[in-house]
N, C-alpha and C. Protein backbone atom coordinates (compact mmCIF):
# COMPACT_ATOMS: atom_id res chain seq x y z
N MET A 1 102.25 150.23 21.99
CA MET A 1 102.42 149.32 23.04
C MET A 1 103.87 149.37 23.50
N THR A 2 104.01 149.53 24.80
CA THR A 2 105.35 149.60 25.33
C THR A 2 105.57 148.44 26.29
N PHE A 3 106.71 147.97 26.24
CA PHE A 3 107.09 146.88 27.13
C PHE A 3 108.07 147.41 28.15
N SER A 4 107.85 146.99 29.38
CA SER A 4 108.81 147.39 30.39
C SER A 4 109.83 146.27 30.52
N ASN A 5 110.96 146.66 30.94
CA ASN A 5 111.99 145.65 31.12
C ASN A 5 111.76 144.92 32.45
N ILE A 6 111.48 143.69 32.34
CA ILE A 6 111.27 142.86 33.53
C ILE A 6 112.47 141.96 33.65
N LYS A 7 113.04 142.01 34.81
CA LYS A 7 114.18 141.15 35.05
C LYS A 7 113.70 139.96 35.86
N LEU A 8 113.82 138.81 35.33
CA LEU A 8 113.40 137.58 36.01
C LEU A 8 114.59 136.99 36.73
N GLU A 9 114.29 136.47 37.90
CA GLU A 9 115.34 135.87 38.70
C GLU A 9 115.44 134.41 38.32
N CYS A 10 116.60 133.88 38.28
CA CYS A 10 116.82 132.49 37.93
C CYS A 10 117.09 131.71 39.22
N PHE A 11 116.35 130.61 39.38
CA PHE A 11 116.50 129.78 40.59
C PHE A 11 117.23 128.48 40.30
N ASP A 12 117.80 128.38 39.17
CA ASP A 12 118.54 127.17 38.84
C ASP A 12 119.82 127.13 39.66
N ILE A 13 120.15 125.92 40.14
CA ILE A 13 121.32 125.76 40.97
C ILE A 13 122.60 125.87 40.15
N ASP A 14 122.60 125.27 39.03
CA ASP A 14 123.83 125.26 38.28
C ASP A 14 123.91 126.46 37.32
N GLY A 15 123.16 127.45 37.70
CA GLY A 15 123.21 128.66 36.86
C GLY A 15 124.59 129.30 36.93
N GLY A 16 124.87 130.13 35.98
CA GLY A 16 126.19 130.72 35.88
C GLY A 16 126.46 131.77 36.95
N GLU A 17 125.44 132.37 37.48
CA GLU A 17 125.68 133.43 38.45
C GLU A 17 125.86 132.84 39.82
N GLU A 18 126.66 133.45 40.58
CA GLU A 18 126.87 133.03 41.96
C GLU A 18 125.71 133.54 42.78
N SER A 19 125.12 132.65 43.56
CA SER A 19 124.03 133.09 44.43
C SER A 19 124.61 133.47 45.78
N SER A 20 124.03 134.49 46.37
CA SER A 20 124.54 134.94 47.66
C SER A 20 123.88 134.14 48.76
N PRO A 21 124.60 133.87 49.84
CA PRO A 21 124.01 133.11 50.94
C PRO A 21 122.90 133.94 51.59
N PRO A 22 121.90 133.24 52.17
CA PRO A 22 120.80 133.97 52.80
C PRO A 22 121.32 134.83 53.95
N SER A 23 120.63 135.88 54.18
CA SER A 23 121.05 136.80 55.24
C SER A 23 120.71 136.23 56.61
N ALA A 24 121.26 136.84 57.64
CA ALA A 24 121.02 136.40 59.02
C ALA A 24 119.56 136.58 59.40
N ASP A 25 118.93 137.66 58.93
CA ASP A 25 117.50 137.88 59.20
C ASP A 25 116.65 136.79 58.56
N TYR A 26 117.03 136.43 57.34
CA TYR A 26 116.31 135.36 56.65
C TYR A 26 116.43 134.06 57.43
N ASN A 27 117.61 133.71 57.90
CA ASN A 27 117.83 132.47 58.65
C ASN A 27 117.05 132.49 59.97
N ARG A 28 117.05 133.64 60.67
CA ARG A 28 116.27 133.72 61.92
C ARG A 28 114.78 133.56 61.65
N GLY A 29 114.30 134.20 60.62
CA GLY A 29 112.88 134.08 60.26
C GLY A 29 112.52 132.65 59.86
N PHE A 30 113.43 132.04 59.09
CA PHE A 30 113.20 130.66 58.66
C PHE A 30 113.16 129.72 59.87
N GLU A 31 114.09 129.86 60.80
CA GLU A 31 114.13 129.03 62.02
C GLU A 31 112.89 129.29 62.88
N ALA A 32 112.48 130.54 63.00
CA ALA A 32 111.28 130.86 63.79
C ALA A 32 110.04 130.23 63.16
N GLY A 33 109.97 130.26 61.85
CA GLY A 33 108.84 129.64 61.13
C GLY A 33 108.80 128.13 61.34
N LEU A 34 109.97 127.49 61.26
CA LEU A 34 110.04 126.04 61.50
C LEU A 34 109.62 125.69 62.93
N LEU A 35 110.11 126.49 63.90
CA LEU A 35 109.77 126.24 65.30
C LEU A 35 108.27 126.43 65.54
N GLN A 36 107.69 127.47 64.93
CA GLN A 36 106.26 127.70 65.09
C GLN A 36 105.45 126.57 64.45
N ALA A 37 105.85 126.10 63.30
CA ALA A 37 105.16 124.99 62.63
C ALA A 37 105.27 123.72 63.47
N LYS A 38 106.44 123.46 64.02
CA LYS A 38 106.64 122.28 64.86
C LYS A 38 105.76 122.35 66.10
N ASN A 39 105.73 123.51 66.77
CA ASN A 39 104.89 123.69 67.96
C ASN A 39 103.41 123.55 67.63
N SER A 40 103.00 124.07 66.49
CA SER A 40 101.60 123.97 66.06
C SER A 40 101.21 122.52 65.80
N ILE A 41 102.08 121.78 65.14
CA ILE A 41 101.81 120.36 64.87
C ILE A 41 101.75 119.56 66.18
N THR A 42 102.69 119.83 67.10
CA THR A 42 102.70 119.14 68.38
C THR A 42 101.43 119.44 69.18
N ALA A 43 101.00 120.70 69.20
CA ALA A 43 99.78 121.07 69.93
C ALA A 43 98.56 120.40 69.32
N THR A 44 98.50 120.35 67.99
CA THR A 44 97.38 119.70 67.31
C THR A 44 97.36 118.21 67.62
N GLN A 45 98.52 117.56 67.63
CA GLN A 45 98.59 116.13 67.95
C GLN A 45 98.15 115.88 69.39
N GLU A 46 98.62 116.70 70.33
CA GLU A 46 98.25 116.52 71.74
C GLU A 46 96.75 116.71 71.93
N GLN A 47 96.18 117.71 71.27
CA GLN A 47 94.74 117.93 71.38
C GLN A 47 93.97 116.76 70.78
N SER A 48 94.42 116.26 69.64
CA SER A 48 93.75 115.11 69.00
C SER A 48 93.82 113.88 69.89
N ILE A 49 94.99 113.63 70.48
CA ILE A 49 95.15 112.47 71.37
C ILE A 49 94.26 112.60 72.58
N SER A 50 94.18 113.79 73.18
CA SER A 50 93.33 113.97 74.36
C SER A 50 91.85 113.83 74.00
N GLU A 51 91.45 114.29 72.81
CA GLU A 51 90.06 114.12 72.37
C GLU A 51 89.73 112.66 72.12
N ILE A 52 90.66 111.93 71.53
CA ILE A 52 90.45 110.49 71.30
C ILE A 52 90.36 109.75 72.63
N ALA A 53 91.24 110.09 73.57
CA ALA A 53 91.21 109.45 74.89
C ALA A 53 89.90 109.76 75.60
N ALA A 54 89.42 110.99 75.51
CA ALA A 54 88.14 111.35 76.15
C ALA A 54 86.99 110.60 75.50
N THR A 55 87.01 110.48 74.19
CA THR A 55 85.95 109.74 73.48
C THR A 55 85.97 108.27 73.88
N LEU A 56 87.16 107.66 73.93
CA LEU A 56 87.25 106.26 74.34
C LEU A 56 86.82 106.09 75.80
N GLY A 57 87.18 107.05 76.65
CA GLY A 57 86.76 106.99 78.06
C GLY A 57 85.25 107.08 78.19
N ASP A 58 84.61 107.90 77.36
CA ASP A 58 83.16 108.01 77.40
C ASP A 58 82.48 106.74 76.88
N MET A 59 83.16 106.04 75.97
CA MET A 59 82.56 104.85 75.38
C MET A 59 82.68 103.62 76.28
N THR A 60 83.56 103.64 77.26
CA THR A 60 83.72 102.47 78.11
C THR A 60 82.50 102.30 78.99
N PHE A 61 82.04 101.08 79.08
CA PHE A 61 80.87 100.76 79.88
C PHE A 61 81.12 99.38 80.47
N GLY A 62 81.68 99.38 81.64
CA GLY A 62 82.13 98.12 82.23
C GLY A 62 81.06 97.41 83.02
N TYR A 63 81.45 96.27 83.51
CA TYR A 63 80.55 95.41 84.29
C TYR A 63 80.05 96.11 85.54
N THR A 64 80.94 96.77 86.24
CA THR A 64 80.54 97.42 87.50
C THR A 64 79.54 98.53 87.24
N GLU A 65 79.77 99.31 86.21
CA GLU A 65 78.85 100.39 85.90
C GLU A 65 77.48 99.83 85.49
N ALA A 66 77.47 98.77 84.69
CA ALA A 66 76.20 98.15 84.29
C ALA A 66 75.49 97.55 85.50
N ARG A 67 76.23 96.90 86.37
CA ARG A 67 75.65 96.31 87.59
C ARG A 67 75.03 97.39 88.47
N ASP A 68 75.75 98.49 88.64
CA ASP A 68 75.24 99.58 89.46
C ASP A 68 73.96 100.17 88.89
N ILE A 69 73.91 100.34 87.58
CA ILE A 69 72.72 100.89 86.95
C ILE A 69 71.54 99.94 87.11
N LEU A 70 71.78 98.64 86.90
CA LEU A 70 70.70 97.66 87.06
C LEU A 70 70.20 97.59 88.50
N LEU A 71 71.12 97.56 89.45
CA LEU A 71 70.72 97.51 90.85
C LEU A 71 69.96 98.76 91.26
N GLU A 72 70.38 99.89 90.74
CA GLU A 72 69.69 101.15 91.04
C GLU A 72 68.27 101.12 90.50
N GLN A 73 68.09 100.54 89.32
CA GLN A 73 66.76 100.49 88.71
C GLN A 73 65.85 99.48 89.38
N ILE A 74 66.40 98.36 89.88
CA ILE A 74 65.54 97.36 90.50
C ILE A 74 65.46 97.50 92.02
N GLN A 75 66.12 98.51 92.58
CA GLN A 75 66.11 98.71 94.03
C GLN A 75 64.69 98.84 94.60
N PRO A 76 63.77 99.60 93.97
CA PRO A 76 62.41 99.66 94.52
C PRO A 76 61.72 98.29 94.53
N LEU A 77 61.95 97.51 93.51
CA LEU A 77 61.35 96.17 93.45
C LEU A 77 61.93 95.28 94.55
N LEU A 78 63.24 95.32 94.75
CA LEU A 78 63.85 94.54 95.82
C LEU A 78 63.33 94.97 97.19
N ALA A 79 63.12 96.26 97.36
CA ALA A 79 62.59 96.77 98.64
C ALA A 79 61.18 96.23 98.87
N GLN A 80 60.34 96.24 97.86
CA GLN A 80 58.98 95.72 98.01
C GLN A 80 58.99 94.22 98.30
N ILE A 81 59.85 93.49 97.60
CA ILE A 81 59.92 92.05 97.83
C ILE A 81 60.36 91.76 99.26
N SER A 82 61.41 92.44 99.72
CA SER A 82 61.95 92.12 101.04
C SER A 82 61.09 92.65 102.18
N GLN A 83 60.36 93.73 101.97
CA GLN A 83 59.59 94.32 103.07
C GLN A 83 58.13 93.90 103.08
N ILE A 84 57.58 93.50 101.93
CA ILE A 84 56.16 93.16 101.88
C ILE A 84 55.94 91.68 101.58
N VAL A 85 56.53 91.22 100.49
CA VAL A 85 56.24 89.86 100.01
C VAL A 85 56.87 88.79 100.90
N LEU A 86 58.15 88.89 101.19
CA LEU A 86 58.82 87.86 101.99
C LEU A 86 58.18 87.67 103.37
N PRO A 87 57.89 88.73 104.12
CA PRO A 87 57.25 88.49 105.43
C PRO A 87 55.90 87.80 105.32
N GLN A 88 55.12 88.16 104.31
CA GLN A 88 53.82 87.51 104.16
C GLN A 88 53.97 86.03 103.81
N ILE A 89 54.88 85.73 102.91
CA ILE A 89 55.10 84.33 102.54
C ILE A 89 55.59 83.54 103.74
N ALA A 90 56.53 84.09 104.47
CA ALA A 90 57.09 83.39 105.62
C ALA A 90 56.04 83.13 106.70
N MET A 91 55.23 84.12 106.99
CA MET A 91 54.24 83.95 108.06
C MET A 91 53.12 83.00 107.64
N HIS A 92 52.74 83.01 106.37
CA HIS A 92 51.68 82.10 105.91
C HIS A 92 52.17 80.66 105.80
N SER A 93 53.45 80.49 105.61
CA SER A 93 53.96 79.13 105.44
C SER A 93 54.70 78.62 106.68
N PHE A 94 54.56 79.31 107.81
CA PHE A 94 55.30 78.90 109.00
C PHE A 94 54.90 77.51 109.48
N SER A 95 53.63 77.21 109.48
CA SER A 95 53.18 75.89 109.96
C SER A 95 53.80 74.77 109.13
N GLU A 96 53.79 74.93 107.82
CA GLU A 96 54.37 73.90 106.95
C GLU A 96 55.89 73.81 107.16
N HIS A 97 56.51 74.95 107.32
CA HIS A 97 57.96 74.95 107.55
C HIS A 97 58.30 74.26 108.87
N LEU A 98 57.53 74.53 109.90
CA LEU A 98 57.77 73.92 111.20
C LEU A 98 57.55 72.41 111.13
N THR A 99 56.51 71.98 110.46
CA THR A 99 56.25 70.54 110.31
C THR A 99 57.40 69.86 109.57
N GLU A 100 57.89 70.48 108.53
CA GLU A 100 59.00 69.91 107.76
C GLU A 100 60.27 69.86 108.60
N ALA A 101 60.53 70.89 109.37
CA ALA A 101 61.72 70.91 110.22
C ALA A 101 61.65 69.82 111.27
N MET A 102 60.47 69.60 111.82
CA MET A 102 60.32 68.54 112.83
C MET A 102 60.51 67.18 112.20
N ALA A 103 59.97 66.99 111.01
CA ALA A 103 60.11 65.69 110.35
C ALA A 103 61.57 65.38 110.06
N GLN A 104 62.32 66.36 109.64
CA GLN A 104 63.73 66.14 109.34
C GLN A 104 64.55 65.93 110.60
N ALA A 105 64.27 66.70 111.62
CA ALA A 105 65.10 66.65 112.82
C ALA A 105 64.82 65.43 113.69
N PHE A 106 63.59 65.02 113.75
CA PHE A 106 63.21 63.96 114.70
C PHE A 106 62.61 62.75 114.00
N SER A 107 63.12 62.39 112.85
CA SER A 107 62.56 61.25 112.13
C SER A 107 62.74 59.94 112.88
N ASP A 108 63.76 59.84 113.72
CA ASP A 108 64.01 58.60 114.45
C ASP A 108 63.43 58.63 115.86
N ALA A 109 62.68 59.66 116.20
CA ALA A 109 62.22 59.84 117.58
C ALA A 109 60.80 59.34 117.79
N THR A 110 60.54 58.12 117.45
CA THR A 110 59.18 57.60 117.61
C THR A 110 58.90 57.17 119.04
N ASP A 111 59.93 56.89 119.81
CA ASP A 111 59.69 56.41 121.16
C ASP A 111 59.82 57.50 122.22
N LYS A 112 60.26 58.66 121.89
CA LYS A 112 60.45 59.72 122.86
C LYS A 112 59.59 60.91 122.48
N ALA A 113 59.05 61.59 123.44
CA ALA A 113 58.18 62.74 123.20
C ALA A 113 58.99 63.94 122.75
N ILE A 114 58.41 64.69 121.81
CA ILE A 114 59.01 65.92 121.31
C ILE A 114 58.14 67.07 121.77
N GLU A 115 58.78 68.06 122.37
CA GLU A 115 58.03 69.23 122.81
C GLU A 115 58.30 70.36 121.81
N VAL A 116 57.21 70.97 121.35
CA VAL A 116 57.32 72.08 120.42
C VAL A 116 56.72 73.30 121.09
N ALA A 117 57.58 74.28 121.38
CA ALA A 117 57.12 75.51 122.02
C ALA A 117 56.93 76.56 120.94
N VAL A 118 55.70 77.12 120.86
CA VAL A 118 55.37 78.14 119.87
C VAL A 118 54.59 79.26 120.53
N GLU A 119 54.39 80.34 119.79
CA GLU A 119 53.56 81.44 120.24
C GLU A 119 52.14 80.91 120.47
N PRO A 120 51.47 81.30 121.54
CA PRO A 120 50.16 80.75 121.86
C PRO A 120 49.12 80.90 120.76
N SER A 121 49.15 81.95 119.97
CA SER A 121 48.11 82.16 118.95
C SER A 121 48.24 81.24 117.74
N ILE A 122 49.35 80.57 117.58
CA ILE A 122 49.56 79.73 116.40
C ILE A 122 49.19 78.27 116.64
N ILE A 123 48.94 77.91 117.86
CA ILE A 123 48.69 76.50 118.20
C ILE A 123 47.55 75.92 117.37
N GLY A 124 46.49 76.68 117.14
CA GLY A 124 45.35 76.16 116.38
C GLY A 124 45.67 75.91 114.92
N SER A 125 46.63 76.57 114.34
CA SER A 125 46.92 76.40 112.91
C SER A 125 47.92 75.28 112.63
N LEU A 126 48.49 74.68 113.68
CA LEU A 126 49.43 73.57 113.47
C LEU A 126 48.66 72.27 113.34
N ASN A 127 48.84 71.60 112.23
CA ASN A 127 48.17 70.34 111.96
C ASN A 127 49.17 69.20 112.11
N LEU A 128 49.39 68.80 113.35
CA LEU A 128 50.34 67.72 113.61
C LEU A 128 49.56 66.53 114.17
N ARG A 129 49.66 65.41 113.49
CA ARG A 129 48.96 64.21 113.92
C ARG A 129 49.99 63.15 114.32
N ASN A 130 50.67 63.45 115.38
CA ASN A 130 51.68 62.52 115.86
C ASN A 130 51.61 62.52 117.37
N GLU A 131 51.43 61.35 117.95
CA GLU A 131 51.30 61.24 119.40
C GLU A 131 52.60 61.60 120.11
N ALA A 132 53.70 61.47 119.44
CA ALA A 132 55.00 61.74 120.06
C ALA A 132 55.29 63.24 120.12
N VAL A 133 54.45 64.06 119.51
CA VAL A 133 54.68 65.50 119.49
C VAL A 133 53.70 66.17 120.44
N ARG A 134 54.25 66.99 121.33
CA ARG A 134 53.42 67.74 122.27
C ARG A 134 53.68 69.23 122.03
N ILE A 135 52.63 69.96 121.65
CA ILE A 135 52.75 71.38 121.37
C ILE A 135 52.39 72.15 122.63
N VAL A 136 53.31 73.05 123.03
CA VAL A 136 53.09 73.84 124.24
C VAL A 136 53.18 75.33 123.89
N PRO A 137 52.32 76.15 124.51
CA PRO A 137 52.41 77.59 124.26
C PRO A 137 53.60 78.19 125.03
N ASP A 138 54.24 79.14 124.41
CA ASP A 138 55.36 79.84 125.05
C ASP A 138 55.23 81.33 124.72
N PRO A 139 54.80 82.14 125.72
CA PRO A 139 54.60 83.57 125.44
C PRO A 139 55.90 84.30 125.06
N ALA A 140 57.05 83.72 125.35
CA ALA A 140 58.32 84.36 124.99
C ALA A 140 58.60 84.24 123.49
N MET A 141 57.91 83.33 122.81
CA MET A 141 58.11 83.14 121.37
C MET A 141 57.32 84.18 120.59
N GLU A 142 57.92 84.64 119.50
CA GLU A 142 57.24 85.55 118.59
C GLU A 142 56.59 84.74 117.48
N HIS A 143 55.71 85.40 116.72
CA HIS A 143 55.10 84.74 115.57
C HIS A 143 56.21 84.40 114.57
N GLY A 144 56.31 83.17 114.17
CA GLY A 144 57.35 82.73 113.25
C GLY A 144 58.54 82.08 113.94
N GLN A 145 58.45 81.89 115.26
CA GLN A 145 59.52 81.22 115.99
C GLN A 145 58.98 79.96 116.65
N ALA A 146 59.84 78.97 116.79
CA ALA A 146 59.48 77.74 117.49
C ALA A 146 60.75 77.13 118.08
N ARG A 147 60.56 76.39 119.18
CA ARG A 147 61.69 75.70 119.80
C ARG A 147 61.28 74.23 119.90
N LEU A 148 62.07 73.37 119.31
CA LEU A 148 61.82 71.93 119.32
C LEU A 148 62.77 71.30 120.32
N ARG A 149 62.22 70.51 121.23
CA ARG A 149 63.06 69.87 122.25
C ARG A 149 62.74 68.39 122.33
N ARG A 150 63.80 67.63 122.45
CA ARG A 150 63.69 66.20 122.74
C ARG A 150 64.91 65.81 123.52
N LYS A 151 64.72 65.52 124.74
CA LYS A 151 65.80 65.16 125.64
C LYS A 151 66.92 66.19 125.57
N ASP A 152 68.05 65.87 124.99
CA ASP A 152 69.17 66.81 124.95
C ASP A 152 69.31 67.52 123.61
N THR A 153 68.36 67.36 122.70
CA THR A 153 68.41 68.01 121.39
C THR A 153 67.45 69.20 121.38
N HIS A 154 67.96 70.35 120.97
CA HIS A 154 67.16 71.58 120.87
C HIS A 154 67.37 72.18 119.48
N ILE A 155 66.28 72.52 118.83
CA ILE A 155 66.35 73.17 117.51
C ILE A 155 65.47 74.42 117.57
N ILE A 156 66.03 75.53 117.12
CA ILE A 156 65.29 76.79 117.07
C ILE A 156 64.93 77.07 115.61
N VAL A 157 63.65 77.33 115.36
CA VAL A 157 63.18 77.77 114.06
C VAL A 157 62.82 79.24 114.22
N ASP A 158 63.53 80.11 113.50
CA ASP A 158 63.37 81.55 113.68
C ASP A 158 63.21 82.24 112.33
N LEU A 159 61.96 82.36 111.87
CA LEU A 159 61.71 83.00 110.59
C LEU A 159 61.96 84.52 110.61
N PRO A 160 61.66 85.24 111.71
CA PRO A 160 61.99 86.68 111.71
C PRO A 160 63.49 86.93 111.49
N ALA A 161 64.35 86.11 112.09
CA ALA A 161 65.79 86.29 111.87
C ALA A 161 66.16 85.98 110.42
N LEU A 162 65.51 84.95 109.85
CA LEU A 162 65.74 84.62 108.44
C LEU A 162 65.29 85.77 107.55
N LEU A 163 64.13 86.35 107.84
CA LEU A 163 63.65 87.48 107.06
C LEU A 163 64.59 88.67 107.16
N ASP A 164 65.09 88.95 108.35
CA ASP A 164 66.04 90.05 108.51
C ASP A 164 67.28 89.82 107.66
N ALA A 165 67.77 88.58 107.66
CA ALA A 165 68.96 88.27 106.86
C ALA A 165 68.68 88.43 105.36
N LEU A 166 67.50 87.97 104.92
CA LEU A 166 67.14 88.11 103.51
C LEU A 166 66.97 89.58 103.12
N GLN A 167 66.32 90.36 103.98
CA GLN A 167 66.14 91.78 103.70
C GLN A 167 67.49 92.50 103.64
N THR A 168 68.37 92.15 104.55
CA THR A 168 69.70 92.77 104.54
C THR A 168 70.44 92.41 103.25
N ALA A 169 70.30 91.17 102.83
CA ALA A 169 70.97 90.75 101.59
C ALA A 169 70.37 91.44 100.37
N LEU A 170 69.05 91.56 100.33
CA LEU A 170 68.41 92.18 99.16
C LEU A 170 68.62 93.68 99.12
N LEU A 171 68.60 94.32 100.26
CA LEU A 171 68.71 95.78 100.30
C LEU A 171 70.13 96.26 100.53
N GLY A 172 71.03 95.34 100.81
CA GLY A 172 72.39 95.74 101.18
C GLY A 172 73.36 95.83 100.04
N HIS A 173 72.87 95.94 98.80
CA HIS A 173 73.80 96.06 97.68
C HIS A 173 74.52 97.39 97.77
N ASP A 174 75.84 97.33 97.67
CA ASP A 174 76.67 98.53 97.77
C ASP A 174 76.80 99.14 96.39
N LEU A 175 76.15 100.28 96.18
CA LEU A 175 76.26 100.97 94.91
C LEU A 175 77.43 101.94 95.01
N THR A 176 78.62 101.40 94.75
CA THR A 176 79.82 102.21 94.91
C THR A 176 79.85 103.32 93.87
N GLN A 177 80.34 104.45 94.29
CA GLN A 177 80.47 105.59 93.38
C GLN A 177 81.72 105.42 92.54
N ARG A 178 81.62 105.79 91.29
CA ARG A 178 82.76 105.67 90.38
C ARG A 178 83.69 106.85 90.60
N THR A 179 84.94 106.55 90.83
CA THR A 179 85.94 107.59 91.01
C THR A 179 87.06 107.38 90.01
N HIS A 180 87.97 108.33 89.98
CA HIS A 180 89.10 108.22 89.06
C HIS A 180 89.99 107.02 89.42
N SER A 181 90.09 106.74 90.73
CA SER A 181 90.99 105.67 91.16
C SER A 181 90.45 104.28 90.84
N ASN A 182 89.10 104.10 90.85
CA ASN A 182 88.58 102.76 90.58
C ASN A 182 87.96 102.64 89.20
N GLY A 183 88.11 103.63 88.36
CA GLY A 183 87.68 103.56 86.97
C GLY A 183 86.23 103.75 86.83
């Protein structure tokens, strides 16, 4: 068995031998390594921060976004209500609505005649038992409209205009698009 002479280097600071300062190549390599490590850590941090920000941005679900989704989902129902149901309800209840409007407007008019101008086809469906009320046909009136007159007081009952306003309100929801500027 033969042993080779192995010379071990001593890394002790207070060793007896003088250590030589690192060479210029060693210092350049060491500085380049530090710079590369620093750049790598900075790039990793920036990527992590951007991934966290993207994840948090995806998780946000605000009031406006929820409102838009709900309105989008119930839009067909609102369209059916405003275009089919409301007109039918309004036209079937016009006589009762007109009677109520007359009672409120002319409750003190027992001594003066009230003229109610309506579409000629609706006259038969009005059940008014008051001698002070005179119902007259008016071809200029549409179904759902009436004009109440007593001396200098005039009241217009216009259900088609009311329906238009309700339909506009129900169907006029602004589903704004989400942009970067409004979040």
